[in-house]
């Protein structure tokens, strides 16, 4: 999968350790290590936390797009109370 490559790339660009990223995402270091080595996948809350930490779109982490930028909410979502 592509998620492990993108997470490792983002982490190295920022000069962060796996421990720092795991702590920021609120997951155990061993779980983050498994994600980055392709042995596991993050749960949805962890995926969202990782995307927030790196300030990228979750779809970018999942390989669904090559656009890193976080997407603004759609006008439909903005209209909801």
PDB file of N, CA and C in Angstrom:
ATOM      1  N   UNK A   1       0.837  -1.189   0.000  1.00  0.00           N
ATOM      2  CA  UNK A   1       0.000   0.000   0.000  1.00  0.00           C
ATOM      3  C   UNK A   1       0.876   1.244   0.000  1.00  0.00           C
ATOM      4  N   UNK A   2       0.254   2.325  -0.316  1.00  0.00           N
ATOM      5  CA  UNK A   2       1.004   3.574  -0.432  1.00  0.00           C
ATOM      6  C   UNK A   2       1.091   4.344   0.886  1.00  0.00           C
ATOM      7  N   UNK A   3       0.198   4.050   1.822  1.00  0.00           N
ATOM      8  CA  UNK A   3       0.150   4.836   3.057  1.00  0.00           C
ATOM      9  C   UNK A   3       1.479   4.800   3.806  1.00  0.00           C
ATOM     10  N   UNK A   4       2.129   3.649   3.855  1.00  0.00           N
ATOM     11  CA  UNK A   4       3.388   3.572   4.592  1.00  0.00           C
ATOM     12  C   UNK A   4       4.467   4.437   3.950  1.00  0.00           C
ATOM     13  N   UNK A   5       4.503   4.479   2.619  1.00  0.00           N
ATOM     14  CA  UNK A   5       5.489   5.303   1.925  1.00  0.00           C
ATOM     15  C   UNK A   5       5.241   6.786   2.184  1.00  0.00           C
ATOM     16  N   UNK A   6       3.984   7.170   2.130  1.00  0.00           N
ATOM     17  CA  UNK A   6       3.663   8.590   2.307  1.00  0.00           C
ATOM     18  C   UNK A   6       3.897   9.040   3.741  1.00  0.00           C
ATOM     19  N   UNK A   7       3.556   8.195   4.706  1.00  0.00           N
ATOM     20  CA  UNK A   7       3.801   8.562   6.102  1.00  0.00           C
ATOM     21  C   UNK A   7       5.294   8.702   6.374  1.00  0.00           C
ATOM     22  N   UNK A   8       6.077   7.766   5.885  1.00  0.00           N
ATOM     23  CA  UNK A   8       7.522   7.826   6.101  1.00  0.00           C
ATOM     24  C   UNK A   8       8.109   9.075   5.440  1.00  0.00           C
ATOM     25  N   UNK A   9       7.657   9.368   4.222  1.00  0.00           N
ATOM     26  CA  UNK A   9       8.134  10.548   3.499  1.00  0.00           C
ATOM     27  C   UNK A   9       7.797  11.832   4.265  1.00  0.00           C
ATOM     28  N   UNK A  10       6.555  11.942   4.721  1.00  0.00           N
ATOM     29  CA  UNK A  10       6.130  13.134   5.463  1.00  0.00           C
ATOM     30  C   UNK A  10       6.897  13.266   6.778  1.00  0.00           C
ATOM     31  N   UNK A  11       7.073  12.158   7.469  1.00  0.00           N
ATOM     32  CA  UNK A  11       7.787  12.178   8.745  1.00  0.00           C
ATOM     33  C   UNK A  11       9.231  12.617   8.551  1.00  0.00           C
ATOM     34  N   UNK A  12       9.880  12.089   7.520  1.00  0.00           N
ATOM     35  CA  UNK A  12      11.279  12.447   7.278  1.00  0.00           C
ATOM     36  C   UNK A  12      11.413  13.898   6.819  1.00  0.00           C
ATOM     37  N   UNK A  13      10.454  14.366   6.019  1.00  0.00           N
ATOM     38  CA  UNK A  13      10.479  15.777   5.595  1.00  0.00           C
ATOM     39  C   UNK A  13      10.455  16.707   6.798  1.00  0.00           C
ATOM     40  N   UNK A  14       9.727  16.309   7.816  1.00  0.00           N
ATOM     41  CA  UNK A  14       9.607  17.139   9.019  1.00  0.00           C
ATOM     42  C   UNK A  14      10.682  16.839  10.045  1.00  0.00           C
ATOM     43  N   UNK A  15      11.500  15.838   9.786  1.00  0.00           N
ATOM     44  CA  UNK A  15      12.572  15.489  10.723  1.00  0.00           C
ATOM     45  C   UNK A  15      12.053  14.950  12.040  1.00  0.00           C
ATOM     46  N   UNK A  16      10.943  14.226  11.997  1.00  0.00           N
ATOM     47  CA  UNK A  16      10.333  13.707  13.216  1.00  0.00           C
ATOM     48  C   UNK A  16      10.622  12.219  13.371  1.00  0.00           C
ATOM     49  N   UNK A  17      10.615  11.781  14.607  1.00  0.00           N
ATOM     50  CA  UNK A  17      10.778  10.355  14.880  1.00  0.00           C
ATOM     51  C   UNK A  17       9.416   9.672  14.817  1.00  0.00           C
ATOM     52  N   UNK A  18       9.442   8.357  14.719  1.00  0.00           N
ATOM     53  CA  UNK A  18       8.191   7.603  14.758  1.00  0.00           C
ATOM     54  C   UNK A  18       7.480   7.837  16.086  1.00  0.00           C
ATOM     55  N   UNK A  19       8.235   7.948  17.153  1.00  0.00           N
ATOM     56  CA  UNK A  19       7.646   8.180  18.473  1.00  0.00           C
ATOM     57  C   UNK A  19       6.900   9.513  18.520  1.00  0.00           C
ATOM     58  N   UNK A  20       7.471  10.538  17.940  1.00  0.00           N
ATOM     59  CA  UNK A  20       6.834  11.856  17.921  1.00  0.00           C
ATOM     60  C   UNK A  20       5.511  11.813  17.163  1.00  0.00           C
ATOM     61  N   UNK A  21       5.516  11.160  16.011  1.00  0.00           N
ATOM     62  CA  UNK A  21       4.308  11.067  15.190  1.00  0.00           C
ATOM     63  C   UNK A  21       3.248  10.230  15.895  1.00  0.00           C
ATOM     64  N   UNK A  22       3.660   9.109  16.464  1.00  0.00           N
ATOM     65  CA  UNK A  22       2.707   8.250  17.177  1.00  0.00           C
ATOM     66  C   UNK A  22       2.054   9.010  18.324  1.00  0.00           C
ATOM     67  N   UNK A  23       2.855   9.734  19.086  1.00  0.00           N
ATOM     68  CA  UNK A  23       2.320  10.509  20.211  1.00  0.00           C
ATOM     69  C   UNK A  23       1.343  11.573  19.707  1.00  0.00           C
ATOM     70  N   UNK A  24       1.695  12.258  18.629  1.00  0.00           N
ATOM     71  CA  UNK A  24       0.835  13.306  18.072  1.00  0.00           C
ATOM     72  C   UNK A  24      -0.495  12.737  17.578  1.00  0.00           C
ATOM     73  N   UNK A  25      -0.467  11.505  17.070  1.00  0.00           N
ATOM     74  CA  UNK A  25      -1.679  10.871  16.549  1.00  0.00           C
ATOM     75  C   UNK A  25      -2.455  10.130  17.633  1.00  0.00           C
ATOM     76  N   UNK A  26      -1.862  10.009  18.815  1.00  0.00           N
ATOM     77  CA  UNK A  26      -2.542   9.331  19.910  1.00  0.00           C
ATOM     78  C   UNK A  26      -2.593   7.822  19.750  1.00  0.00           C
ATOM     79  N   UNK A  27      -1.559   7.264  19.118  1.00  0.00           N
ATOM     80  CA  UNK A  27      -1.509   5.810  18.957  1.00  0.00           C
ATOM     81  C   UNK A  27      -0.205   5.279  19.543  1.00  0.00           C
ATOM     82  N   UNK A  28      -0.193   4.003  19.846  1.00  0.00           N
ATOM     83  CA  UNK A  28       1.005   3.376  20.389  1.00  0.00           C
ATOM     84  C   UNK A  28       2.114   3.368  19.340  1.00  0.00           C
ATOM     85  N   UNK A  29       3.343   3.512  19.806  1.00  0.00           N
ATOM     86  CA  UNK A  29       4.493   3.505  18.902  1.00  0.00           C
ATOM     87  C   UNK A  29       4.533   2.229  18.076  1.00  0.00           C
ATOM     88  N   UNK A  30       4.282   1.079  18.691  1.00  0.00           N
ATOM     89  CA  UNK A  30       4.334  -0.191  17.943  1.00  0.00           C
ATOM     90  C   UNK A  30       3.287  -0.217  16.831  1.00  0.00           C
ATOM     91  N   UNK A  31       2.120   0.399  17.081  1.00  0.00           N
ATOM     92  CA  UNK A  31       1.081   0.450  16.049  1.00  0.00           C
ATOM     93  C   UNK A  31       1.498   1.365  14.907  1.00  0.00           C
ATOM     94  N   UNK A  32       2.097   2.500  15.247  1.00  0.00           N
ATOM     95  CA  UNK A  32       2.570   3.396  14.188  1.00  0.00           C
ATOM     96  C   UNK A  32       3.664   2.704  13.377  1.00  0.00           C
ATOM     97  N   UNK A  33       4.575   2.040  14.054  1.00  0.00           N
ATOM     98  CA  UNK A  33       5.654   1.328  13.356  1.00  0.00           C
ATOM     99  C   UNK A  33       5.065   0.302  12.388  1.00  0.00           C
ATOM    100  N   UNK A  34       4.043  -0.414  12.817  1.00  0.00           N
ATOM    101  CA  UNK A  34       3.411  -1.417  11.953  1.00  0.00           C
ATOM    102  C   UNK A  34       2.772  -0.766  10.728  1.00  0.00           C
ATOM    103  N   UNK A  35       2.191   0.420  10.910  1.00  0.00           N
ATOM    104  CA  UNK A  35       1.591   1.136   9.777  1.00  0.00           C
ATOM    105  C   UNK A  35       2.680   1.535   8.785  1.00  0.00           C
ATOM    106  N   UNK A  36       3.770   2.102   9.311  1.00  0.00           N
ATOM    107  CA  UNK A  36       4.820   2.613   8.445  1.00  0.00           C
ATOM    108  C   UNK A  36       5.608   1.500   7.753  1.00  0.00           C
ATOM    109  N   UNK A  37       5.567   0.302   8.297  1.00  0.00           N
ATOM    110  CA  UNK A  37       6.261  -0.817   7.659  1.00  0.00           C
ATOM    111  C   UNK A  37       5.313  -1.664   6.804  1.00  0.00           C
ATOM    112  N   UNK A  38       4.063  -1.272   6.726  1.00  0.00           N
ATOM    113  CA  UNK A  38       3.105  -1.979   5.891  1.00  0.00           C
ATOM    114  C   UNK A  38       2.512  -3.217   6.536  1.00  0.00           C
ATOM    115  N   UNK A  39       2.728  -3.390   7.823  1.00  0.00           N
ATOM    116  CA  UNK A  39       2.206  -4.560   8.532  1.00  0.00           C
ATOM    117  C   UNK A  39       0.806  -4.329   9.100  1.00  0.00           C
ATOM    118  N   UNK A  40       0.323  -3.107   9.049  1.00  0.00           N
ATOM    119  CA  UNK A  40      -0.997  -2.795   9.585  1.00  0.00           C
ATOM    120  C   UNK A  40      -1.530  -1.521   8.974  1.00  0.00           C
ATOM    121  N   UNK A  41      -2.788  -1.254   9.231  1.00  0.00           N
ATOM    122  CA  UNK A  41      -3.438  -0.037   8.751  1.00  0.00           C
ATOM    123  C   UNK A  41      -3.990   0.733   9.936  1.00  0.00           C
ATOM    124  N   UNK A  42      -4.024   2.051   9.834  1.00  0.00           N
ATOM    125  CA  UNK A  42      -4.578   2.820  10.950  1.00  0.00           C
ATOM    126  C   UNK A  42      -6.099   2.722  10.985  1.00  0.00           C
ATOM    127  N   UNK A  43      -6.638   2.825  12.173  1.00  0.00           N
ATOM    128  CA  UNK A  43      -8.087   2.942  12.314  1.00  0.00           C
ATOM    129  C   UNK A  43      -8.459   4.354  11.876  1.00  0.00           C
ATOM    130  N   UNK A  44      -9.722   4.566  11.616  1.00  0.00           N
ATOM    131  CA  UNK A  44     -10.159   5.861  11.076  1.00  0.00           C
ATOM    132  C   UNK A  44      -9.768   7.034  11.975  1.00  0.00           C
ATOM    133  N   UNK A  45      -9.974   6.981  13.291  1.00  0.00           N
ATOM    134  CA  UNK A  45      -9.549   8.125  14.118  1.00  0.00           C
ATOM    135  C   UNK A  45      -8.049   8.401  14.013  1.00  0.00           C
ATOM    136  N   UNK A  46      -7.238   7.344  13.945  1.00  0.00           N
ATOM    137  CA  UNK A  46      -5.792   7.529  13.811  1.00  0.00           C
ATOM    138  C   UNK A  46      -5.438   8.095  12.446  1.00  0.00           C
ATOM    139  N   UNK A  47      -6.124   7.641  11.407  1.00  0.00           N
ATOM    140  CA  UNK A  47      -5.899   8.181  10.062  1.00  0.00           C
ATOM    141  C   UNK A  47      -6.178   9.678  10.042  1.00  0.00           C
ATOM    142  N   UNK A  48      -7.277  10.074  10.643  1.00  0.00           N
ATOM    143  CA  UNK A  48      -7.624  11.502  10.703  1.00  0.00           C
ATOM    144  C   UNK A  48      -6.588  12.285  11.503  1.00  0.00           C
ATOM    145  N   UNK A  49      -6.139  11.715  12.618  1.00  0.00           N
ATOM    146  CA  UNK A  49      -5.130  12.385  13.442  1.00  0.00           C
ATOM    147  C   UNK A  49      -3.805  12.514  12.692  1.00  0.00           C
ATOM    148  N   UNK A  50      -3.426  11.494  11.943  1.00  0.00           N
ATOM    149  CA  UNK A  50      -2.191  11.565  11.152  1.00  0.00           C
ATOM    150  C   UNK A  50      -2.307  12.619  10.059  1.00  0.00           C
ATOM    151  N   UNK A  51      -3.447  12.662   9.392  1.00  0.00           N
ATOM    152  CA  UNK A  51      -3.653  13.673   8.349  1.00  0.00           C
ATOM    153  C   UNK A  51      -3.597  15.070   8.959  1.00  0.00           C
ATOM    154  N   UNK A  52      -4.221  15.246  10.107  1.00  0.00           N
ATOM    155  CA  UNK A  52      -4.184  16.548  10.784  1.00  0.00           C
ATOM    156  C   UNK A  52      -2.762  16.912  11.192  1.00  0.00           C
ATOM    157  N   UNK A  53      -2.044  15.953  11.739  1.00  0.00           N
ATOM    158  CA  UNK A  53      -0.677  16.213  12.185  1.00  0.00           C
ATOM    159  C   UNK A  53       0.205  16.687  11.029  1.00  0.00           C
ATOM    160  N   UNK A  54       0.087  16.003   9.908  1.00  0.00           N
ATOM    161  CA  UNK A  54       0.912  16.362   8.756  1.00  0.00           C
ATOM    162  C   UNK A  54       0.272  17.433   7.876  1.00  0.00           C
ATOM    163  N   UNK A  55      -0.924  17.847   8.236  1.00  0.00           N
ATOM    164  CA  UNK A  55      -1.670  18.877   7.508  1.00  0.00           C
ATOM    165  C   UNK A  55      -1.825  18.501   6.036  1.00  0.00           C
ATOM    166  N   UNK A  56      -2.268  17.258   5.830  1.00  0.00           N
ATOM    167  CA  UNK A  56      -2.539  16.760   4.483  1.00  0.00           C
ATOM    168  C   UNK A  56      -3.935  16.161   4.446  1.00  0.00           C
ATOM    169  N   UNK A  57      -4.405  15.952   3.254  1.00  0.00           N
ATOM    170  CA  UNK A  57      -5.686  15.315   3.017  1.00  0.00           C
ATOM    171  C   UNK A  57      -5.554  13.819   3.337  1.00  0.00           C
ATOM    172  N   UNK A  58      -6.532  13.251   4.039  1.00  0.00           N
ATOM    173  CA  UNK A  58      -6.501  11.816   4.336  1.00  0.00           C
ATOM    174  C   UNK A  58      -6.475  10.995   3.046  1.00  0.00           C
ATOM    175  N   UNK A  59      -7.129  11.484   2.003  1.00  0.00           N
ATOM    176  CA  UNK A  59      -7.091  10.779   0.723  1.00  0.00           C
ATOM    177  C   UNK A  59      -5.669  10.725   0.164  1.00  0.00           C
ATOM    178  N   UNK A  60      -4.868  11.719   0.465  1.00  0.00           N
ATOM    179  CA  UNK A  60      -3.465  11.694   0.043  1.00  0.00           C
ATOM    180  C   UNK A  60      -2.740  10.545   0.746  1.00  0.00           C
ATOM    181  N   UNK A  61      -2.955  10.402   2.058  1.00  0.00           N
ATOM    182  CA  UNK A  61      -2.314   9.314   2.790  1.00  0.00           C
ATOM    183  C   UNK A  61      -2.732   7.951   2.246  1.00  0.00           C
ATOM    184  N   UNK A  62      -3.984   7.848   1.836  1.00  0.00           N
ATOM    185  CA  UNK A  62      -4.513   6.582   1.335  1.00  0.00           C
ATOM    186  C   UNK A  62      -4.170   6.316  -0.123  1.00  0.00           C
ATOM    187  N   UNK A  63      -3.555   7.286  -0.796  1.00  0.00           N
ATOM    188  CA  UNK A  63      -3.179   7.112  -2.192  1.00  0.00           C
ATOM    189  C   UNK A  63      -4.315   7.351  -3.171  1.00  0.00           C
ATOM    190  N   UNK A  64      -5.403   7.971  -2.697  1.00  0.00           N
ATOM    191  CA  UNK A  64      -6.540   8.242  -3.574  1.00  0.00           C
ATOM    192  C   UNK A  64      -6.346   9.513  -4.389  1.00  0.00           C
ATOM    193  N   UNK A  65      -5.388  10.331  -3.986  1.00  0.00           N
ATOM    194  CA  UNK A  65      -5.054  11.559  -4.700  1.00  0.00           C
ATOM    195  C   UNK A  65      -3.590  11.866  -4.463  1.00  0.00           C
ATOM    196  N   UNK A  66      -3.010  12.650  -5.352  1.00  0.00           N
ATOM    197  CA  UNK A  66      -1.645  13.112  -5.160  1.00  0.00           C
ATOM    198  C   UNK A  66      -1.619  14.536  -4.618  1.00  0.00           C
ATOM    199  N   UNK A  67      -2.794  15.081  -4.325  1.00  0.00           N
ATOM    200  CA  UNK A  67      -2.913  16.434  -3.779  1.00  0.00           C
ATOM    201  C   UNK A  67      -2.768  16.357  -2.271  1.00  0.00           C
ATOM    202  N   UNK A  68      -1.735  16.998  -1.756  1.00  0.00           N
ATOM    203  CA  UNK A  68      -1.489  16.969  -0.310  1.00  0.00           C
ATOM    204  C   UNK A  68      -2.426  17.886   0.473  1.00  0.00           C
ATOM    205  N   UNK A  69      -2.784  19.014  -0.118  1.00  0.00           N
ATOM    206  CA  UNK A  69      -3.546  20.030   0.604  1.00  0.00           C
ATOM    207  C   UNK A  69      -4.822  19.470   1.202  1.00  0.00           C
ATOM    208  N   UNK A  70      -5.103  19.901   2.415  1.00  0.00           N
ATOM    209  CA  UNK A  70      -6.372  19.540   3.024  1.00  0.00           C
ATOM    210  C   UNK A  70      -7.475  20.209   2.220  1.00  0.00           C
ATOM    211  N   UNK A  71      -8.520  19.486   1.964  1.00  0.00           N
ATOM    212  CA  UNK A  71      -9.624  20.025   1.174  1.00  0.00           C
ATOM    213  C   UNK A  71     -10.556  20.844   2.057  1.00  0.00           C
ATOM    214  N   UNK A  72     -10.992  21.997   1.572  1.00  0.00           N
ATOM    215  CA  UNK A  72     -11.943  22.780   2.351  1.00  0.00           C
ATOM    216  C   UNK A  72     -13.287  22.058   2.387  1.00  0.00           C
ATOM    217  N   UNK A  73     -14.103  22.319   3.416  1.00  0.00           N
ATOM    218  CA  UNK A  73     -15.415  21.687   3.458  1.00  0.00           C
ATOM    219  C   UNK A  73     -16.237  22.091   2.241  1.00  0.00           C
ATOM    220  N   UNK A  74     -17.049  21.173   1.770  1.00  0.00           N
ATOM    221  CA  UNK A  74     -17.905  21.491   0.618  1.00  0.00           C
ATOM    222  C   UNK A  74     -18.994  22.453   1.061  1.00  0.00           C
ATOM    223  N   UNK A  75     -19.593  23.138   0.106  1.00  0.00           N
ATOM    224  CA  UNK A  75     -20.647  24.098   0.436  1.00  0.00           C
ATOM    225  C   UNK A  75     -21.833  23.370   1.069  1.00  0.00           C
ATOM    226  N   UNK A  76     -22.039  22.089   0.733  1.00  0.00           N
ATOM    227  CA  UNK A  76     -23.118  21.314   1.334  1.00  0.00           C
ATOM    228  C   UNK A  76     -22.877  21.121   2.819  1.00  0.00           C
ATOM    229  N   UNK A  77     -21.620  20.839   3.196  1.00  0.00           N
ATOM    230  CA  UNK A  77     -21.285  20.660   4.597  1.00  0.00           C
ATOM    231  C   UNK A  77     -21.391  21.984   5.359  1.00  0.00           C
ATOM    232  N   UNK A  78     -21.035  23.083   4.724  1.00  0.00           N
ATOM    233  CA  UNK A  78     -21.107  24.384   5.373  1.00  0.00           C
ATOM    234  C   UNK A  78     -22.544  24.788   5.657  1.00  0.00           C
ATOM    235  N   UNK A  79     -23.480  24.308   4.834  1.00  0.00           N
ATOM    236  CA  UNK A  79     -24.869  24.695   4.975  1.00  0.00           C
ATOM    237  C   UNK A  79     -25.565  23.945   6.100  1.00  0.00           C
ATOM    238  N   UNK A  80     -24.959  22.869   6.604  1.00  0.00           N
ATOM    239  CA  UNK A  80     -25.576  22.094   7.672  1.00  0.00           C
ATOM    240  C   UNK A  80     -25.517  22.867   8.989  1.00  0.00           C
ATOM    241  N   UNK A  81     -26.582  22.733   9.798  1.00  0.00           N
ATOM    242  CA  UNK A  81     -26.574  23.428  11.110  1.00  0.00           C
ATOM    243  C   UNK A  81     -25.647  22.787  12.092  1.00  0.00           C
TER     244      UNK A  81
END
